[in-house]
Amino acid sequence: MEYKELKIVVDRFWKGECSELEENQLREYFRWNDTIPEEFHPIKKYLSLASEESSGLGLDFDLKVLKAVEDKDRNTTKGINIKRMIPFAAAAAVAIGVFFFNPNSPVTPEDSIVLIEDTFEDPEIAFLEVKKALMMVSNKINKGKEYSHEIGKFSLAKDQIQYQDKKTD
């Protein structure tokens, strides 16, 4: 294709007046000719990007969709969702605790099935044991918080990767 003919077809392309055959000729011309005038570099880049985007969804698109569906099926469980039941269980535990251990409760310790006895004679030893138990619980919670921070980093990285994937699609 000579310069004058190329210039005419490119002008028609930008005006939206060229036929599909002429557009395909432009694609082929720019694909196989590396030495083109500087003024045609933008259309060469545009046509190469447009041909990449219009090449379809790709061969592995179906596999990605099926994998995503299978992963979603694995993540959903049938039956009771334990995460949703935790607040109800906590509320029930608090209600039972208030009912049985409230000093103003109509149930007296003699009427209650639960018998509370002192296990330590010395209150200081009891205090130390309670302190030791609370420190153990605190250490476990802090260790869990460390892991949750790591999971948060992983989740952030996953979101960034998915954002980049969506951007490239």
C-alpha atoms as a PDB file:
ATOM      1  CA  MET A   1       0.000   0.000   0.000  1.00  0.00           C
ATOM      2  CA  GLU A   2       1.463   3.343  -0.968  1.00  0.00           C
ATOM      3  CA  TYR A   3       1.584   6.374   1.326  1.00  0.00           C
ATOM      4  CA  LYS A   4      -1.233   8.294  -0.431  1.00  0.00           C
ATOM      5  CA  GLU A   5      -3.546   5.285  -0.495  1.00  0.00           C
ATOM      6  CA  LEU A   6      -2.705   4.500   3.143  1.00  0.00           C
ATOM      7  CA  LYS A   7      -3.391   8.103   4.176  1.00  0.00           C
ATOM      8  CA  ILE A   8      -6.825   8.030   2.465  1.00  0.00           C
ATOM      9  CA  VAL A   9      -7.834   4.724   4.085  1.00  0.00           C
ATOM     10  CA  VAL A  10      -6.634   5.889   7.513  1.00  0.00           C
ATOM     11  CA  ASP A  11      -8.587   9.134   7.207  1.00  0.00           C
ATOM     12  CA  ARG A  12     -11.690   7.170   6.214  1.00  0.00           C
ATOM     13  CA  PHE A  13     -11.114   4.833   9.166  1.00  0.00           C
ATOM     14  CA  TRP A  14     -11.013   7.725  11.672  1.00  0.00           C
ATOM     15  CA  LYS A  15     -14.190   9.183  10.150  1.00  0.00           C
ATOM     16  CA  GLY A  16     -15.889   5.786  10.410  1.00  0.00           C
ATOM     17  CA  GLU A  17     -16.413   5.539   6.671  1.00  0.00           C
ATOM     18  CA  CYS A  18     -14.176   2.614   5.721  1.00  0.00           C
ATOM     19  CA  SER A  19     -15.532  -0.859   5.092  1.00  0.00           C
ATOM     20  CA  GLU A  20     -14.701  -3.932   7.103  1.00  0.00           C
ATOM     21  CA  LEU A  21     -12.505  -5.153   4.244  1.00  0.00           C
ATOM     22  CA  GLU A  22     -10.476  -1.909   4.337  1.00  0.00           C
ATOM     23  CA  GLU A  23     -10.159  -2.139   8.108  1.00  0.00           C
ATOM     24  CA  ASN A  24      -8.852  -5.703   7.822  1.00  0.00           C
ATOM     25  CA  GLN A  25      -6.393  -4.547   5.132  1.00  0.00           C
ATOM     26  CA  LEU A  26      -5.145  -1.861   7.523  1.00  0.00           C
ATOM     27  CA  ARG A  27      -4.717  -4.438  10.302  1.00  0.00           C
ATOM     28  CA  GLU A  28      -2.735  -6.734   8.029  1.00  0.00           C
ATOM     29  CA  TYR A  29      -0.636  -3.891   6.665  1.00  0.00           C
ATOM     30  CA  PHE A  30       0.330  -2.638  10.115  1.00  0.00           C
ATOM     31  CA  ARG A  31       0.865  -6.136  11.458  1.00  0.00           C
ATOM     32  CA  TRP A  32       3.442  -7.061   8.821  1.00  0.00           C
ATOM     33  CA  ASN A  33       5.116  -3.699   8.118  1.00  0.00           C
ATOM     34  CA  ASP A  34       7.497  -2.462  10.766  1.00  0.00           C
ATOM     35  CA  THR A  35       8.686   0.556   8.794  1.00  0.00           C
ATOM     36  CA  ILE A  36       5.744   2.912   8.680  1.00  0.00           C
ATOM     37  CA  PRO A  37       5.661   6.699   8.860  1.00  0.00           C
ATOM     38  CA  GLU A  38       5.544   8.189  12.360  1.00  0.00           C
ATOM     39  CA  GLU A  39       2.070   9.659  11.852  1.00  0.00           C
ATOM     40  CA  PHE A  40       0.573   6.139  11.520  1.00  0.00           C
ATOM     41  CA  HIS A  41       1.974   4.765  14.797  1.00  0.00           C
ATOM     42  CA  PRO A  42      -1.144   5.669  16.829  1.00  0.00           C
ATOM     43  CA  ILE A  43      -3.484   3.804  14.482  1.00  0.00           C
ATOM     44  CA  LYS A  44      -1.122   0.828  14.390  1.00  0.00           C
ATOM     45  CA  LYS A  45      -1.198   0.660  18.185  1.00  0.00           C
ATOM     46  CA  TYR A  46      -4.971   1.114  18.252  1.00  0.00           C
ATOM     47  CA  LEU A  47      -5.610  -1.624  15.688  1.00  0.00           C
ATOM     48  CA  SER A  48      -3.260  -4.052  17.420  1.00  0.00           C
ATOM     49  CA  LEU A  49      -4.985  -3.462  20.775  1.00  0.00           C
ATOM     50  CA  ALA A  50      -8.443  -3.655  19.222  1.00  0.00           C
ATOM     51  CA  SER A  51      -7.608  -6.961  17.541  1.00  0.00           C
ATOM     52  CA  GLU A  52      -6.342  -8.372  20.851  1.00  0.00           C
ATOM     53  CA  GLU A  53      -9.534  -7.325  22.652  1.00  0.00           C
ATOM     54  CA  SER A  54     -11.802  -8.667  19.941  1.00  0.00           C
ATOM     55  CA  SER A  55     -10.080 -12.033  19.868  1.00  0.00           C
ATOM     56  CA  GLY A  56     -12.781 -13.401  22.179  1.00  0.00           C
ATOM     57  CA  LEU A  57     -12.825 -14.560  25.721  1.00  0.00           C
ATOM     58  CA  GLY A  58      -9.945 -16.947  25.309  1.00  0.00           C
ATOM     59  CA  LEU A  59      -9.645 -20.682  25.445  1.00  0.00           C
ATOM     60  CA  ASP A  60      -9.496 -20.924  29.216  1.00  0.00           C
ATOM     61  CA  PHE A  61     -12.535 -18.716  29.912  1.00  0.00           C
ATOM     62  CA  ASP A  62     -14.872 -21.692  30.322  1.00  0.00           C
ATOM     63  CA  LEU A  63     -12.397 -23.374  32.651  1.00  0.00           C
ATOM     64  CA  LYS A  64     -12.143 -20.245  34.823  1.00  0.00           C
ATOM     65  CA  VAL A  65     -15.933 -19.961  35.054  1.00  0.00           C
ATOM     66  CA  LEU A  66     -16.369 -23.638  35.928  1.00  0.00           C
ATOM     67  CA  LYS A  67     -13.622 -23.428  38.551  1.00  0.00           C
ATOM     68  CA  ALA A  68     -15.234 -20.350  40.101  1.00  0.00           C
ATOM     69  CA  VAL A  69     -18.609 -22.109  40.244  1.00  0.00           C
ATOM     70  CA  GLU A  70     -17.065 -25.205  41.824  1.00  0.00           C
ATOM     71  CA  ASP A  71     -15.219 -23.087  44.385  1.00  0.00           C
ATOM     72  CA  LYS A  72     -18.459 -21.301  45.274  1.00  0.00           C
ATOM     73  CA  ASP A  73     -20.239 -24.660  45.638  1.00  0.00           C
ATOM     74  CA  ARG A  74     -17.508 -25.875  47.989  1.00  0.00           C
ATOM     75  CA  ASN A  75     -17.775 -22.753  50.121  1.00  0.00           C
ATOM     76  CA  THR A  76     -21.516 -23.017  50.625  1.00  0.00           C
ATOM     77  CA  THR A  77     -22.641 -25.560  53.161  1.00  0.00           C
ATOM     78  CA  LYS A  78     -26.015 -27.130  53.495  1.00  0.00           C
ATOM     79  CA  GLY A  79     -27.668 -26.999  56.853  1.00  0.00           C
ATOM     80  CA  ILE A  80     -26.895 -24.740  59.781  1.00  0.00           C
ATOM     81  CA  ASN A  81     -24.354 -21.978  59.287  1.00  0.00           C
ATOM     82  CA  ILE A  82     -22.312 -21.939  62.486  1.00  0.00           C
ATOM     83  CA  LYS A  83     -21.068 -18.369  61.998  1.00  0.00           C
ATOM     84  CA  ARG A  84     -24.637 -17.109  62.044  1.00  0.00           C
ATOM     85  CA  MET A  85     -25.449 -19.097  65.177  1.00  0.00           C
ATOM     86  CA  ILE A  86     -22.632 -17.696  67.350  1.00  0.00           C
ATOM     87  CA  PRO A  87     -24.469 -14.486  68.365  1.00  0.00           C
ATOM     88  CA  PHE A  88     -27.538 -16.494  69.381  1.00  0.00           C
ATOM     89  CA  ALA A  89     -25.440 -18.913  71.429  1.00  0.00           C
ATOM     90  CA  ALA A  90     -23.687 -16.011  73.148  1.00  0.00           C
ATOM     91  CA  ALA A  91     -27.011 -14.366  73.963  1.00  0.00           C
ATOM     92  CA  ALA A  92     -28.332 -17.640  75.386  1.00  0.00           C
ATOM     93  CA  ALA A  93     -25.194 -18.061  77.530  1.00  0.00           C
ATOM     94  CA  VAL A  94     -25.544 -14.538  78.907  1.00  0.00           C
ATOM     95  CA  ALA A  95     -29.236 -15.062  79.647  1.00  0.00           C
ATOM     96  CA  ILE A  96     -28.549 -18.320  81.483  1.00  0.00           C
ATOM     97  CA  GLY A  97     -25.693 -16.716  83.404  1.00  0.00           C
ATOM     98  CA  VAL A  98     -27.827 -13.782  84.463  1.00  0.00           C
ATOM     99  CA  PHE A  99     -30.678 -16.067  85.483  1.00  0.00           C
ATOM    100  CA  PHE A 100     -28.600 -18.440  87.623  1.00  0.00           C
ATOM    101  CA  PHE A 101     -25.925 -16.132  89.002  1.00  0.00           C
ATOM    102  CA  ASN A 102     -27.892 -12.946  89.579  1.00  0.00           C
ATOM    103  CA  PRO A 103     -28.204 -12.205  93.318  1.00  0.00           C
ATOM    104  CA  ASN A 104     -31.724 -10.844  92.773  1.00  0.00           C
ATOM    105  CA  SER A 105     -32.796 -13.985  90.951  1.00  0.00           C
ATOM    106  CA  PRO A 106     -35.929 -15.729  92.218  1.00  0.00           C
ATOM    107  CA  VAL A 107     -33.999 -19.007  92.121  1.00  0.00           C
ATOM    108  CA  THR A 108     -32.065 -19.544  95.321  1.00  0.00           C
ATOM    109  CA  PRO A 109     -28.848 -21.562  95.379  1.00  0.00           C
ATOM    110  CA  GLU A 110     -30.659 -24.319  97.300  1.00  0.00           C
ATOM    111  CA  ASP A 111     -33.240 -24.586  94.502  1.00  0.00           C
ATOM    112  CA  SER A 112     -30.628 -24.561  91.785  1.00  0.00           C
ATOM    113  CA  ILE A 113     -29.175 -27.726  90.362  1.00  0.00           C
ATOM    114  CA  VAL A 114     -25.826 -25.992  90.049  1.00  0.00           C
ATOM    115  CA  LEU A 115     -23.935 -26.053  93.324  1.00  0.00           C
ATOM    116  CA  ILE A 116     -21.187 -23.495  93.713  1.00  0.00           C
ATOM    117  CA  GLU A 117     -18.429 -24.344  96.156  1.00  0.00           C
ATOM    118  CA  ASP A 118     -15.228 -22.624  97.057  1.00  0.00           C
ATOM    119  CA  THR A 119     -12.289 -24.610  95.809  1.00  0.00           C
ATOM    120  CA  PHE A 120      -9.656 -22.502  97.527  1.00  0.00           C
ATOM    121  CA  GLU A 121      -9.421 -21.680 101.201  1.00  0.00           C
ATOM    122  CA  ASP A 122      -7.148 -18.689 100.681  1.00  0.00           C
ATOM    123  CA  PRO A 123      -8.612 -15.851  98.545  1.00  0.00           C
ATOM    124  CA  GLU A 124      -5.149 -14.783  97.374  1.00  0.00           C
ATOM    125  CA  ILE A 125      -4.485 -18.224  95.866  1.00  0.00           C
ATOM    126  CA  ALA A 126      -7.896 -18.101  94.179  1.00  0.00           C
ATOM    127  CA  PHE A 127      -7.073 -14.644  92.811  1.00  0.00           C
ATOM    128  CA  LEU A 128      -3.743 -15.912  91.420  1.00  0.00           C
ATOM    129  CA  GLU A 129      -5.450 -18.883  89.764  1.00  0.00           C
ATOM    130  CA  VAL A 130      -8.067 -16.636  88.173  1.00  0.00           C
ATOM    131  CA  LYS A 131      -5.329 -14.265  87.033  1.00  0.00           C
ATOM    132  CA  LYS A 132      -3.394 -17.175  85.511  1.00  0.00           C
ATOM    133  CA  ALA A 133      -6.494 -18.397  83.659  1.00  0.00           C
ATOM    134  CA  LEU A 134      -7.278 -14.910  82.337  1.00  0.00           C
ATOM    135  CA  MET A 135      -3.680 -14.452  81.167  1.00  0.00           C
ATOM    136  CA  MET A 136      -3.908 -17.746  79.289  1.00  0.00           C
ATOM    137  CA  VAL A 137      -7.139 -16.595  77.592  1.00  0.00           C
ATOM    138  CA  SER A 138      -5.560 -13.232  76.799  1.00  0.00           C
ATOM    139  CA  ASN A 139      -2.524 -14.910  75.226  1.00  0.00           C
ATOM    140  CA  LYS A 140      -4.754 -17.109  73.063  1.00  0.00           C
ATOM    141  CA  ILE A 141      -6.791 -14.110  71.914  1.00  0.00           C
ATOM    142  CA  ASN A 142      -3.648 -12.119  71.092  1.00  0.00           C
ATOM    143  CA  LYS A 143      -2.251 -15.057  69.142  1.00  0.00           C
ATOM    144  CA  GLY A 144      -5.524 -15.251  67.203  1.00  0.00           C
ATOM    145  CA  LYS A 145      -5.319 -11.514  66.482  1.00  0.00           C
ATOM    146  CA  GLU A 146      -1.862 -12.014  64.958  1.00  0.00           C
ATOM    147  CA  TYR A 147      -3.264 -14.619  62.591  1.00  0.00           C
ATOM    148  CA  SER A 148      -6.215 -12.423  61.713  1.00  0.00           C
ATOM    149  CA  HIS A 149      -3.795  -9.635  60.770  1.00  0.00           C
ATOM    150  CA  GLU A 150      -1.993 -12.039  58.422  1.00  0.00           C
ATOM    151  CA  ILE A 151      -5.316 -13.108  56.928  1.00  0.00           C
ATOM    152  CA  GLY A 152      -6.165  -9.447  56.411  1.00  0.00           C
ATOM    153  CA  LYS A 153      -2.928  -8.981  54.440  1.00  0.00           C
ATOM    154  CA  PHE A 154      -3.754 -12.030  52.340  1.00  0.00           C
ATOM    155  CA  SER A 155      -7.262 -10.763  51.693  1.00  0.00           C
ATOM    156  CA  LEU A 156      -5.939  -7.340  50.642  1.00  0.00           C
ATOM    157  CA  ALA A 157      -3.441  -8.924  48.238  1.00  0.00           C
ATOM    158  CA  LYS A 158      -6.171 -11.152  46.794  1.00  0.00           C
ATOM    159  CA  ASP A 159      -8.430  -8.142  46.242  1.00  0.00           C
ATOM    160  CA  GLN A 160      -5.629  -6.263  44.487  1.00  0.00           C
ATOM    161  CA  ILE A 161      -4.960  -9.223  42.196  1.00  0.00           C
ATOM    162  CA  GLN A 162      -8.642  -9.564  41.361  1.00  0.00           C
ATOM    163  CA  TYR A 163      -8.812  -5.827  40.652  1.00  0.00           C
ATOM    164  CA  GLN A 164      -5.828  -6.135  38.293  1.00  0.00           C
ATOM    165  CA  ASP A 165      -7.445  -9.152  36.586  1.00  0.00           C
ATOM    166  CA  LYS A 166     -10.681  -7.219  36.065  1.00  0.00           C
ATOM    167  CA  LYS A 167      -8.688  -4.293  34.745  1.00  0.00           C
ATOM    168  CA  THR A 168      -6.916  -6.448  32.155  1.00  0.00           C
ATOM    169  CA  ASP A 169     -10.114  -8.215  31.078  1.00  0.00           C
END
